[in-house]
Structure formats: C-alpha cells, structure tokens
Amino acid sequence: MLTLDIGSEFEAKLQALVEQEHTTPELLIQKLISQYTADTATDDFFACAGLWKDSGITQESLREQAWRK
C-alpha cells in the first residue's frame, strides 16, 4: 500500500475525475497507471521494424552519410 500527499488542488481534481468516472480514487489511479504502462510498452526499438522498408535507405547508405571522409 502507498499513501500519497497530492495537495488540495490535485485532490479536488482527482475527486472531480472520480465522480465523472463513477469509481474510487484507488481504481482510477490503477486504471491510469495501467493505461500509461500499456502506451509506453510499445515504445521499444523493435516496434519500428520495417519503418524504412522500400525507402531506398540502407544500412550502408546511412553509414556513408554518417562517416563521410
């Protein structure tokens, strides 16, 4: 269990969201954390595989531009 001190301004905002969502503060925060972690889990390098497909850009051409003599 974790106890947070969020201040009165954020407490009021949290309470408004809780009422809007018809839930409890605990469940709302759990939902937000779950959504955040699901959104950020796909920010991995290999999720971009195929991004350069059919673009004419190759590993060699990138190296040539990066290490011009």
PDB file of N, CA and C in Angstrom:
ATOM      1  N   MET A   1       0.848  -1.181   0.000  1.00  0.00           N
ATOM      2  CA  MET A   1       0.000   0.000   0.000  1.00  0.00           C
ATOM      3  C   MET A   1       0.884   1.231   0.000  1.00  0.00           C
ATOM      4  N   LEU A   2       0.433   2.273  -0.681  1.00  0.00           N
ATOM      5  CA  LEU A   2       1.172   3.515  -0.809  1.00  0.00           C
ATOM      6  C   LEU A   2       0.245   4.670  -0.473  1.00  0.00           C
ATOM      7  N   THR A   3       0.731   5.601   0.297  1.00  0.00           N
ATOM      8  CA  THR A   3      -0.045   6.788   0.634  1.00  0.00           C
ATOM      9  C   THR A   3       0.622   7.988  -0.010  1.00  0.00           C
ATOM     10  N   LEU A   4      -0.159   8.801  -0.716  1.00  0.00           N
ATOM     11  CA  LEU A   4       0.374   9.970  -1.407  1.00  0.00           C
ATOM     12  C   LEU A   4      -0.229  11.243  -0.843  1.00  0.00           C
ATOM     13  N   ASP A   5       0.605  12.272  -0.746  1.00  0.00           N
ATOM     14  CA  ASP A   5       0.129  13.601  -0.374  1.00  0.00           C
ATOM     15  C   ASP A   5       0.168  14.437  -1.638  1.00  0.00           C
ATOM     16  N   ILE A   6      -0.987  14.687  -2.262  1.00  0.00           N
ATOM     17  CA  ILE A   6      -1.027  15.352  -3.553  1.00  0.00           C
ATOM     18  C   ILE A   6      -1.436  16.816  -3.458  1.00  0.00           C
ATOM     19  N   GLY A   7      -1.741  17.298  -2.291  1.00  0.00           N
ATOM     20  CA  GLY A   7      -2.141  18.692  -2.140  1.00  0.00           C
ATOM     21  C   GLY A   7      -3.600  18.902  -2.475  1.00  0.00           C
ATOM     22  N   SER A   8      -4.139  19.977  -1.970  1.00  0.00           N
ATOM     23  CA  SER A   8      -5.586  20.213  -2.093  1.00  0.00           C
ATOM     24  C   SER A   8      -6.026  20.473  -3.531  1.00  0.00           C
ATOM     25  N   GLU A   9      -5.180  21.134  -4.332  1.00  0.00           N
ATOM     26  CA  GLU A   9      -5.560  21.423  -5.717  1.00  0.00           C
ATOM     27  C   GLU A   9      -5.737  20.134  -6.518  1.00  0.00           C
ATOM     28  N   PHE A  10      -4.767  19.224  -6.389  1.00  0.00           N
ATOM     29  CA  PHE A  10      -4.870  17.965  -7.119  1.00  0.00           C
ATOM     30  C   PHE A  10      -5.896  17.033  -6.486  1.00  0.00           C
ATOM     31  N   GLU A  11      -6.103  17.158  -5.208  1.00  0.00           N
ATOM     32  CA  GLU A  11      -7.132  16.348  -4.554  1.00  0.00           C
ATOM     33  C   GLU A  11      -8.508  16.694  -5.119  1.00  0.00           C
ATOM     34  N   ALA A  12      -8.748  17.981  -5.334  1.00  0.00           N
ATOM     35  CA  ALA A  12     -10.027  18.410  -5.907  1.00  0.00           C
ATOM     36  C   ALA A  12     -10.173  17.899  -7.340  1.00  0.00           C
ATOM     37  N   LYS A  13      -9.085  17.951  -8.109  1.00  0.00           N
ATOM     38  CA  LYS A  13      -9.129  17.449  -9.482  1.00  0.00           C
ATOM     39  C   LYS A  13      -9.359  15.945  -9.501  1.00  0.00           C
ATOM     40  N   LEU A  14      -8.689  15.236  -8.604  1.00  0.00           N
ATOM     41  CA  LEU A  14      -8.872  13.789  -8.517  1.00  0.00           C
ATOM     42  C   LEU A  14     -10.314  13.462  -8.150  1.00  0.00           C
ATOM     43  N   GLN A  15     -10.849  14.174  -7.200  1.00  0.00           N
ATOM     44  CA  GLN A  15     -12.232  13.914  -6.778  1.00  0.00           C
ATOM     45  C   GLN A  15     -13.212  14.166  -7.917  1.00  0.00           C
ATOM     46  N   ALA A  16     -12.965  15.213  -8.713  1.00  0.00           N
ATOM     47  CA  ALA A  16     -13.834  15.501  -9.856  1.00  0.00           C
ATOM     48  C   ALA A  16     -13.760  14.375 -10.888  1.00  0.00           C
ATOM     49  N   LEU A  17     -12.557  13.869 -11.141  1.00  0.00           N
ATOM     50  CA  LEU A  17     -12.407  12.748 -12.081  1.00  0.00           C
ATOM     51  C   LEU A  17     -13.074  11.481 -11.567  1.00  0.00           C
ATOM     52  N   VAL A  18     -12.949  11.247 -10.273  1.00  0.00           N
ATOM     53  CA  VAL A  18     -13.574  10.074  -9.651  1.00  0.00           C
ATOM     54  C   VAL A  18     -15.086  10.120  -9.831  1.00  0.00           C
ATOM     55  N   GLU A  19     -15.658  11.288  -9.595  1.00  0.00           N
ATOM     56  CA  GLU A  19     -17.106  11.442  -9.750  1.00  0.00           C
ATOM     57  C   GLU A  19     -17.511  11.281 -11.216  1.00  0.00           C
ATOM     58  N   GLN A  20     -16.708  11.843 -12.112  1.00  0.00           N
ATOM     59  CA  GLN A  20     -17.001  11.745 -13.543  1.00  0.00           C
ATOM     60  C   GLN A  20     -16.953  10.295 -14.023  1.00  0.00           C
ATOM     61  N   GLU A  21     -16.004   9.526 -13.523  1.00  0.00           N
ATOM     62  CA  GLU A  21     -15.824   8.137 -13.939  1.00  0.00           C
ATOM     63  C   GLU A  21     -16.656   7.155 -13.111  1.00  0.00           C
ATOM     64  N   HIS A  22     -17.320   7.634 -12.066  1.00  0.00           N
ATOM     65  CA  HIS A  22     -18.125   6.786 -11.186  1.00  0.00           C
ATOM     66  C   HIS A  22     -17.298   5.634 -10.611  1.00  0.00           C
ATOM     67  N   THR A  23     -16.183   5.991 -10.000  1.00  0.00           N
ATOM     68  CA  THR A  23     -15.281   4.989  -9.457  1.00  0.00           C
ATOM     69  C   THR A  23     -14.689   5.504  -8.146  1.00  0.00           C
ATOM     70  N   THR A  24     -13.657   4.853  -7.680  1.00  0.00           N
ATOM     71  CA  THR A  24     -12.963   5.285  -6.462  1.00  0.00           C
ATOM     72  C   THR A  24     -11.586   5.834  -6.858  1.00  0.00           C
ATOM     73  N   PRO A  25     -10.978   6.627  -5.998  1.00  0.00           N
ATOM     74  CA  PRO A  25      -9.635   7.133  -6.312  1.00  0.00           C
ATOM     75  C   PRO A  25      -8.636   6.004  -6.584  1.00  0.00           C
ATOM     76  N   GLU A  26      -8.698   4.962  -5.795  1.00  0.00           N
ATOM     77  CA  GLU A  26      -7.774   3.838  -5.970  1.00  0.00           C
ATOM     78  C   GLU A  26      -7.925   3.188  -7.341  1.00  0.00           C
ATOM     79  N   LEU A  27      -9.166   2.917  -7.733  1.00  0.00           N
ATOM     80  CA  LEU A  27      -9.407   2.267  -9.028  1.00  0.00           C
ATOM     81  C   LEU A  27      -9.054   3.177 -10.198  1.00  0.00           C
ATOM     82  N   LEU A  28      -9.309   4.470 -10.051  1.00  0.00           N
ATOM     83  CA  LEU A  28      -8.976   5.408 -11.108  1.00  0.00           C
ATOM     84  C   LEU A  28      -7.460   5.470 -11.304  1.00  0.00           C
ATOM     85  N   ILE A  29      -6.718   5.544 -10.232  1.00  0.00           N
ATOM     86  CA  ILE A  29      -5.259   5.598 -10.335  1.00  0.00           C
ATOM     87  C   ILE A  29      -4.714   4.294 -10.910  1.00  0.00           C
ATOM     88  N   GLN A  30      -5.271   3.170 -10.506  1.00  0.00           N
ATOM     89  CA  GLN A  30      -4.853   1.886 -11.078  1.00  0.00           C
ATOM     90  C   GLN A  30      -5.108   1.862 -12.584  1.00  0.00           C
ATOM     91  N   LYS A  31      -6.262   2.366 -13.008  1.00  0.00           N
ATOM     92  CA  LYS A  31      -6.615   2.411 -14.427  1.00  0.00           C
ATOM     93  C   LYS A  31      -5.639   3.306 -15.192  1.00  0.00           C
ATOM     94  N   LEU A  32      -5.326   4.475 -14.638  1.00  0.00           N
ATOM     95  CA  LEU A  32      -4.410   5.395 -15.302  1.00  0.00           C
ATOM     96  C   LEU A  32      -3.006   4.809 -15.416  1.00  0.00           C
ATOM     97  N   ILE A  33      -2.548   4.151 -14.374  1.00  0.00           N
ATOM     98  CA  ILE A  33      -1.227   3.524 -14.407  1.00  0.00           C
ATOM     99  C   ILE A  33      -1.214   2.409 -15.447  1.00  0.00           C
ATOM    100  N   SER A  34      -2.268   1.617 -15.506  1.00  0.00           N
ATOM    101  CA  SER A  34      -2.348   0.535 -16.496  1.00  0.00           C
ATOM    102  C   SER A  34      -2.336   1.087 -17.916  1.00  0.00           C
ATOM    103  N   GLN A  35      -3.085   2.155 -18.161  1.00  0.00           N
ATOM    104  CA  GLN A  35      -3.119   2.765 -19.485  1.00  0.00           C
ATOM    105  C   GLN A  35      -1.743   3.335 -19.846  1.00  0.00           C
ATOM    106  N   TYR A  36      -1.105   3.994 -18.911  1.00  0.00           N
ATOM    107  CA  TYR A  36       0.205   4.585 -19.155  1.00  0.00           C
ATOM    108  C   TYR A  36       1.235   3.517 -19.490  1.00  0.00           C
ATOM    109  N   THR A  37       1.247   2.445 -18.721  1.00  0.00           N
ATOM    110  CA  THR A  37       2.236   1.399 -18.977  1.00  0.00           C
ATOM    111  C   THR A  37       1.945   0.667 -20.277  1.00  0.00           C
ATOM    112  N   ALA A  38       0.690   0.529 -20.652  1.00  0.00           N
ATOM    113  CA  ALA A  38       0.347  -0.101 -21.932  1.00  0.00           C
ATOM    114  C   ALA A  38       0.789   0.784 -23.089  1.00  0.00           C
ATOM    115  N   ASP A  39       0.624   2.101 -22.955  1.00  0.00           N
ATOM    116  CA  ASP A  39       1.022   3.037 -24.005  1.00  0.00           C
ATOM    117  C   ASP A  39       2.530   3.092 -24.171  1.00  0.00           C
ATOM    118  N   THR A  40       3.264   3.056 -23.084  1.00  0.00           N
ATOM    119  CA  THR A  40       4.711   3.185 -23.161  1.00  0.00           C
ATOM    120  C   THR A  40       5.403   1.858 -23.446  1.00  0.00           C
ATOM    121  N   ALA A  41       4.718   0.764 -23.284  1.00  0.00           N
ATOM    122  CA  ALA A  41       5.333  -0.548 -23.523  1.00  0.00           C
ATOM    123  C   ALA A  41       5.671  -0.747 -24.993  1.00  0.00           C
ATOM    124  N   THR A  42       4.978  -0.063 -25.897  1.00  0.00           N
ATOM    125  CA  THR A  42       5.229  -0.225 -27.319  1.00  0.00           C
ATOM    126  C   THR A  42       6.329   0.705 -27.825  1.00  0.00           C
ATOM    127  N   ASP A  43       6.892   1.536 -26.963  1.00  0.00           N
ATOM    128  CA  ASP A  43       7.949   2.453 -27.367  1.00  0.00           C
ATOM    129  C   ASP A  43       9.304   1.761 -27.397  1.00  0.00           C
ATOM    130  N   ASP A  44       9.325   0.567 -27.899  1.00  0.00           N
ATOM    131  CA  ASP A  44      10.570  -0.164 -27.934  1.00  0.00           C
ATOM    132  C   ASP A  44      11.133  -0.121 -29.350  1.00  0.00           C
ATOM    133  N   PHE A  45      12.417  -0.212 -29.457  1.00  0.00           N
ATOM    134  CA  PHE A  45      13.122  -0.061 -30.728  1.00  0.00           C
ATOM    135  C   PHE A  45      12.587  -1.006 -31.803  1.00  0.00           C
ATOM    136  N   PHE A  46      12.366  -2.249 -31.468  1.00  0.00           N
ATOM    137  CA  PHE A  46      11.968  -3.237 -32.460  1.00  0.00           C
ATOM    138  C   PHE A  46      10.520  -3.056 -32.921  1.00  0.00           C
ATOM    139  N   ALA A  47       9.741  -2.225 -32.232  1.00  0.00           N
ATOM    140  CA  ALA A  47       8.385  -1.935 -32.683  1.00  0.00           C
ATOM    141  C   ALA A  47       8.412  -1.141 -33.989  1.00  0.00           C
ATOM    142  N   CYS A  48       9.552  -0.539 -34.289  1.00  0.00           N
ATOM    143  CA  CYS A  48       9.698   0.249 -35.512  1.00  0.00           C
ATOM    144  C   CYS A  48      10.243  -0.570 -36.670  1.00  0.00           C
ATOM    145  N   ALA A  49      10.375  -1.862 -36.494  1.00  0.00           N
ATOM    146  CA  ALA A  49      10.913  -2.717 -37.559  1.00  0.00           C
ATOM    147  C   ALA A  49      10.092  -2.524 -38.828  1.00  0.00           C
ATOM    148  N   GLY A  50      10.762  -2.394 -39.939  1.00  0.00           N
ATOM    149  CA  GLY A  50      10.083  -2.205 -41.216  1.00  0.00           C
ATOM    150  C   GLY A  50       9.795  -0.757 -41.557  1.00  0.00           C
ATOM    151  N   LEU A  51      10.189   0.156 -40.699  1.00  0.00           N
ATOM    152  CA  LEU A  51       9.901   1.567 -40.910  1.00  0.00           C
ATOM    153  C   LEU A  51      10.506   2.088 -42.213  1.00  0.00           C
ATOM    154  N   TRP A  52      11.702   1.604 -42.555  1.00  0.00           N
ATOM    155  CA  TRP A  52      12.407   2.084 -43.740  1.00  0.00           C
ATOM    156  C   TRP A  52      12.203   1.177 -44.962  1.00  0.00           C
ATOM    157  N   LYS A  53      11.299   0.226 -44.860  1.00  0.00           N
ATOM    158  CA  LYS A  53      11.068  -0.706 -45.967  1.00  0.00           C
ATOM    159  C   LYS A  53      10.693   0.063 -47.238  1.00  0.00           C
ATOM    160  N   ASP A  54      11.296  -0.336 -48.351  1.00  0.00           N
ATOM    161  CA  ASP A  54      11.025   0.247 -49.670  1.00  0.00           C
ATOM    162  C   ASP A  54      11.339   1.743 -49.759  1.00  0.00           C
ATOM    163  N   SER A  55      12.198   2.242 -48.876  1.00  0.00           N
ATOM    164  CA  SER A  55      12.536   3.663 -48.915  1.00  0.00           C
ATOM    165  C   SER A  55      13.821   3.923 -49.669  1.00  0.00           C
ATOM    166  N   GLY A  56      14.562   2.874 -49.977  1.00  0.00           N
ATOM    167  CA  GLY A  56      15.837   3.047 -50.653  1.00  0.00           C
ATOM    168  C   GLY A  56      16.968   3.371 -49.695  1.00  0.00           C
ATOM    169  N   ILE A  57      16.681   3.488 -48.436  1.00  0.00           N
ATOM    170  CA  ILE A  57      17.696   3.764 -47.427  1.00  0.00           C
ATOM    171  C   ILE A  57      18.201   2.431 -46.904  1.00  0.00           C
ATOM    172  N   THR A  58      19.509   2.265 -46.965  1.00  0.00           N
ATOM    173  CA  THR A  58      20.109   1.023 -46.488  1.00  0.00           C
ATOM    174  C   THR A  58      21.052   1.323 -45.336  1.00  0.00           C
ATOM    175  N   GLN A  59      21.477   0.291 -44.682  1.00  0.00           N
ATOM    176  CA  GLN A  59      22.436   0.435 -43.598  1.00  0.00           C
ATOM    177  C   GLN A  59      23.737   1.040 -44.140  1.00  0.00           C
ATOM    178  N   GLU A  60      24.132   0.629 -45.312  1.00  0.00           N
ATOM    179  CA  GLU A  60      25.352   1.142 -45.916  1.00  0.00           C
ATOM    180  C   GLU A  60      25.233   2.632 -46.241  1.00  0.00           C
ATOM    181  N   SER A  61      24.090   3.055 -46.792  1.00  0.00           N
ATOM    182  CA  SER A  61      23.929   4.473 -47.133  1.00  0.00           C
ATOM    183  C   SER A  61      23.907   5.352 -45.880  1.00  0.00           C
ATOM    184  N   LEU A  62      23.320   4.846 -44.815  1.00  0.00           N
ATOM    185  CA  LEU A  62      23.334   5.597 -43.554  1.00  0.00           C
ATOM    186  C   LEU A  62      24.761   5.728 -43.017  1.00  0.00           C
ATOM    187  N   ARG A  63      25.521   4.650 -43.079  1.00  0.00           N
ATOM    188  CA  ARG A  63      26.917   4.690 -42.612  1.00  0.00           C
ATOM    189  C   ARG A  63      27.734   5.659 -43.466  1.00  0.00           C
ATOM    190  N   GLU A  64      27.495   5.639 -44.763  1.00  0.00           N
ATOM    191  CA  GLU A  64      28.245   6.516 -45.659  1.00  0.00           C
ATOM    192  C   GLU A  64      27.988   7.986 -45.300  1.00  0.00           C
ATOM    193  N   GLN A  65      26.738   8.319 -45.022  1.00  0.00           N
ATOM    194  CA  GLN A  65      26.422   9.702 -44.651  1.00  0.00           C
ATOM    195  C   GLN A  65      26.985  10.066 -43.274  1.00  0.00           C
ATOM    196  N   ALA A  66      26.965   9.121 -42.359  1.00  0.00           N
ATOM    197  CA  ALA A  66      27.423   9.391 -41.001  1.00  0.00           C
ATOM    198  C   ALA A  66      28.935   9.542 -40.924  1.00  0.00           C
ATOM    199  N   TRP A  67      29.662   8.763 -41.742  1.00  0.00           N
ATOM    200  CA  TRP A  67      31.112   8.782 -41.660  1.00  0.00           C
ATOM    201  C   TRP A  67      31.754   9.253 -42.965  1.00  0.00           C
ATOM    202  N   ARG A  68      31.268  10.381 -43.457  1.00  0.00           N
ATOM    203  CA  ARG A  68      31.845  10.944 -44.689  1.00  0.00           C
ATOM    204  C   ARG A  68      33.293  11.304 -44.442  1.00  0.00           C
ATOM    205  N   LYS A  69      34.085  11.131 -45.486  1.00  0.00           N
ATOM    206  CA  LYS A  69      35.511  11.497 -45.384  1.00  0.00           C
ATOM    207  C   LYS A  69      35.769  12.809 -46.064  1.00  0.00           C
TER     208      LYS A  69
END
